[in-house]
Structure formats: structure tokens, C-alpha cells
Amino acid sequence: MESQCPKCSEEMTAGHIRDMGLNSGVLTWSEGEAEKNTLGNIKAARVRYSIEALRCPKCGLVEMFALKRAY
């Protein structure tokens, strides 16, 4: 994924945002409101998308996209 920064027109750099929770991995996006289990933890949704990010090296703007389905 390539993109120019909408703020300053610099070429953005691809990356990811890491989930620092118990199941450390890449963040995911799920449709709908989060549901919690009996322990208060958020249940894993059936349909999830990995969050990819682009960062501008000049101004630091970060854009996130959820394009690829996560399994």
C-alpha cells in the first residue's frame, strides 16, 4: 500500500500497530460493539481484519486501514 500524506504530501511508510495486551499481536478491527465474557474480557469476533498503518516520516501523521481479513 503506497500513499502520499494528505497533510504534507510526503511519501508515507508502511507499518503496523502492535497489540501490547496478553495475546500480543497486531491490532484487529471487528464490526459492531465489543461483547465481554463473564471475566470482563472482550470476546473475539468471528470476522476480524488486521490493521495496517501508514506513517508520514515528515509530519508524523498515521493513517490506519483494515483491508485484510485476519484469521
N, C-alpha and C. Protein backbone atom coordinates (compact mmCIF):
# COMPACT_ATOMS: atom_id res chain seq x y z
N MET A 1 0.84 -1.16 0.00
CA MET A 1 0.00 0.00 0.00
C MET A 1 0.90 1.24 0.00
N GLU A 2 0.73 2.07 -0.97
CA GLU A 2 1.51 3.29 -1.07
C GLU A 2 0.58 4.48 -1.01
N SER A 3 1.03 5.54 -0.38
CA SER A 3 0.19 6.71 -0.26
C SER A 3 1.04 7.94 0.04
N GLN A 4 0.52 9.06 -0.37
CA GLN A 4 1.14 10.33 -0.01
C GLN A 4 0.38 10.89 1.18
N CYS A 5 1.09 11.54 2.06
CA CYS A 5 0.49 12.14 3.24
C CYS A 5 -0.52 13.21 2.81
N PRO A 6 -1.76 13.15 3.32
CA PRO A 6 -2.75 14.16 2.96
C PRO A 6 -2.46 15.52 3.60
N LYS A 7 -1.55 15.54 4.57
CA LYS A 7 -1.22 16.77 5.27
C LYS A 7 -0.07 17.53 4.61
N CYS A 8 1.02 16.78 4.23
CA CYS A 8 2.21 17.49 3.72
C CYS A 8 2.73 16.91 2.39
N SER A 9 2.05 15.91 1.83
CA SER A 9 2.36 15.30 0.53
C SER A 9 3.64 14.45 0.49
N GLU A 10 4.25 14.19 1.65
CA GLU A 10 5.43 13.31 1.73
C GLU A 10 4.98 11.86 1.50
N GLU A 11 5.86 11.01 0.95
CA GLU A 11 5.56 9.59 0.76
C GLU A 11 5.50 8.92 2.14
N MET A 12 4.41 8.19 2.42
CA MET A 12 4.23 7.56 3.73
C MET A 12 4.89 6.19 3.78
N THR A 13 5.25 5.75 4.98
CA THR A 13 5.94 4.49 5.21
C THR A 13 4.95 3.48 5.80
N ALA A 14 4.91 2.25 5.24
CA ALA A 14 4.00 1.21 5.72
C ALA A 14 4.52 0.61 7.02
N GLY A 15 3.61 0.19 7.89
CA GLY A 15 3.97 -0.45 9.14
C GLY A 15 2.75 -1.08 9.78
N HIS A 16 2.82 -1.37 11.07
CA HIS A 16 1.70 -1.95 11.79
C HIS A 16 1.70 -1.39 13.22
N ILE A 17 0.59 -1.59 13.91
CA ILE A 17 0.47 -1.17 15.30
C ILE A 17 0.31 -2.43 16.13
N ARG A 18 1.23 -2.65 17.04
CA ARG A 18 1.27 -3.88 17.82
C ARG A 18 0.33 -3.80 19.01
N ASP A 19 -0.40 -4.88 19.25
CA ASP A 19 -1.25 -5.02 20.42
C ASP A 19 -0.36 -5.44 21.58
N MET A 20 -0.29 -4.65 22.62
CA MET A 20 0.59 -4.95 23.75
C MET A 20 -0.15 -5.69 24.87
N GLY A 21 -1.33 -6.26 24.58
CA GLY A 21 -2.10 -6.99 25.59
C GLY A 21 -1.55 -8.38 25.82
N LEU A 22 -2.34 -9.21 26.47
CA LEU A 22 -1.92 -10.57 26.82
C LEU A 22 -1.62 -11.43 25.60
N ASN A 23 -2.36 -11.22 24.52
CA ASN A 23 -2.18 -12.01 23.30
C ASN A 23 -1.34 -11.26 22.28
N SER A 24 -0.35 -10.54 22.72
CA SER A 24 0.46 -9.66 21.87
C SER A 24 0.49 -10.08 20.41
N GLY A 25 0.04 -9.20 19.58
CA GLY A 25 -0.01 -9.42 18.13
C GLY A 25 -0.34 -8.10 17.47
N VAL A 26 -0.82 -8.17 16.25
CA VAL A 26 -1.20 -6.98 15.52
C VAL A 26 -2.65 -6.65 15.86
N LEU A 27 -2.98 -5.38 15.98
CA LEU A 27 -4.35 -4.97 16.26
C LEU A 27 -5.29 -5.45 15.17
N THR A 28 -6.54 -5.70 15.54
CA THR A 28 -7.55 -6.08 14.57
C THR A 28 -8.78 -5.21 14.74
N TRP A 29 -9.58 -5.11 13.69
CA TRP A 29 -10.83 -4.37 13.69
C TRP A 29 -11.96 -5.38 13.58
N SER A 30 -13.02 -5.19 14.37
CA SER A 30 -14.19 -6.06 14.33
C SER A 30 -15.44 -5.19 14.23
N GLU A 31 -16.39 -5.62 13.43
CA GLU A 31 -17.63 -4.86 13.26
C GLU A 31 -18.51 -4.99 14.51
N GLY A 32 -19.23 -3.94 14.84
CA GLY A 32 -20.18 -3.96 15.94
C GLY A 32 -19.55 -3.60 17.27
N GLU A 33 -20.39 -3.58 18.30
CA GLU A 33 -19.92 -3.26 19.65
C GLU A 33 -19.20 -4.44 20.26
N ALA A 34 -18.24 -4.16 21.12
CA ALA A 34 -17.48 -5.21 21.80
C ALA A 34 -18.37 -5.89 22.83
N GLU A 35 -18.32 -7.23 22.85
CA GLU A 35 -19.05 -8.01 23.85
C GLU A 35 -18.04 -8.58 24.84
N LYS A 36 -18.40 -8.60 26.11
CA LYS A 36 -17.49 -9.12 27.13
C LYS A 36 -17.97 -10.48 27.64
N ASN A 37 -17.00 -11.32 28.04
CA ASN A 37 -17.34 -12.61 28.62
C ASN A 37 -17.55 -12.43 30.13
N THR A 38 -17.75 -13.52 30.85
CA THR A 38 -18.04 -13.45 32.28
C THR A 38 -16.88 -12.89 33.10
N LEU A 39 -15.65 -12.96 32.57
CA LEU A 39 -14.49 -12.42 33.27
C LEU A 39 -14.24 -10.95 32.94
N GLY A 40 -15.04 -10.39 32.04
CA GLY A 40 -14.90 -8.99 31.66
C GLY A 40 -13.97 -8.76 30.48
N ASN A 41 -13.45 -9.84 29.89
CA ASN A 41 -12.58 -9.72 28.71
C ASN A 41 -13.44 -9.63 27.45
N ILE A 42 -12.95 -8.93 26.46
CA ILE A 42 -13.68 -8.80 25.20
C ILE A 42 -13.61 -10.11 24.42
N LYS A 43 -14.78 -10.57 23.97
CA LYS A 43 -14.84 -11.81 23.19
C LYS A 43 -14.25 -11.57 21.80
N ALA A 44 -13.61 -12.59 21.25
CA ALA A 44 -13.06 -12.49 19.90
C ALA A 44 -14.21 -12.58 18.89
N ALA A 45 -14.27 -11.63 17.98
CA ALA A 45 -15.30 -11.64 16.95
C ALA A 45 -14.96 -12.66 15.88
N ARG A 46 -15.96 -13.14 15.19
CA ARG A 46 -15.74 -14.13 14.12
C ARG A 46 -15.08 -13.52 12.91
N VAL A 47 -15.46 -12.31 12.58
CA VAL A 47 -14.87 -11.65 11.42
C VAL A 47 -13.98 -10.52 11.93
N ARG A 48 -12.69 -10.63 11.64
CA ARG A 48 -11.73 -9.61 12.07
C ARG A 48 -10.82 -9.24 10.90
N TYR A 49 -10.34 -8.01 10.92
CA TYR A 49 -9.42 -7.52 9.90
C TYR A 49 -8.17 -6.99 10.58
N SER A 50 -7.01 -7.34 10.04
CA SER A 50 -5.74 -6.81 10.57
C SER A 50 -5.66 -5.33 10.25
N ILE A 51 -5.15 -4.57 11.20
CA ILE A 51 -4.99 -3.13 10.98
C ILE A 51 -3.58 -2.87 10.47
N GLU A 52 -3.51 -2.25 9.30
CA GLU A 52 -2.24 -1.84 8.72
C GLU A 52 -2.16 -0.32 8.86
N ALA A 53 -0.96 0.19 8.96
CA ALA A 53 -0.81 1.62 9.18
C ALA A 53 0.23 2.22 8.24
N LEU A 54 0.02 3.47 7.89
CA LEU A 54 0.99 4.25 7.14
C LEU A 54 1.37 5.44 8.01
N ARG A 55 2.67 5.75 8.04
CA ARG A 55 3.16 6.89 8.84
C ARG A 55 3.98 7.81 7.97
N CYS A 56 3.72 9.09 8.12
CA CYS A 56 4.48 10.10 7.39
C CYS A 56 5.78 10.38 8.16
N PRO A 57 6.94 10.21 7.50
CA PRO A 57 8.21 10.47 8.19
C PRO A 57 8.47 11.96 8.41
N LYS A 58 7.75 12.82 7.70
CA LYS A 58 7.97 14.26 7.83
C LYS A 58 7.14 14.87 8.96
N CYS A 59 5.82 14.64 8.97
CA CYS A 59 4.96 15.28 9.97
C CYS A 59 4.44 14.32 11.03
N GLY A 60 4.64 13.00 10.85
CA GLY A 60 4.24 12.02 11.86
C GLY A 60 2.80 11.56 11.80
N LEU A 61 2.03 12.03 10.82
CA LEU A 61 0.64 11.60 10.69
C LEU A 61 0.58 10.09 10.48
N VAL A 62 -0.35 9.41 11.17
CA VAL A 62 -0.55 7.97 11.00
C VAL A 62 -1.97 7.74 10.50
N GLU A 63 -2.10 6.95 9.42
CA GLU A 63 -3.40 6.54 8.90
C GLU A 63 -3.49 5.03 9.06
N MET A 64 -4.67 4.54 9.49
CA MET A 64 -4.86 3.10 9.67
C MET A 64 -5.90 2.58 8.69
N PHE A 65 -5.67 1.34 8.22
CA PHE A 65 -6.57 0.69 7.27
C PHE A 65 -6.82 -0.74 7.72
N ALA A 66 -8.05 -1.21 7.55
CA ALA A 66 -8.40 -2.59 7.87
C ALA A 66 -8.86 -3.26 6.56
N LEU A 67 -7.89 -3.77 5.80
CA LEU A 67 -8.16 -4.30 4.47
C LEU A 67 -8.10 -5.81 4.37
N LYS A 68 -7.21 -6.46 5.15
CA LYS A 68 -7.01 -7.90 5.05
C LYS A 68 -7.68 -8.62 6.20
N ARG A 69 -8.44 -9.66 5.86
CA ARG A 69 -9.13 -10.44 6.90
C ARG A 69 -8.10 -11.19 7.74
N ALA A 70 -8.27 -11.14 9.05
CA ALA A 70 -7.38 -11.85 9.99
C ALA A 70 -8.07 -13.14 10.41
N TYR A 71 -7.30 -14.19 10.58
CA TYR A 71 -7.89 -15.47 10.97
C TYR A 71 -7.39 -15.92 12.30
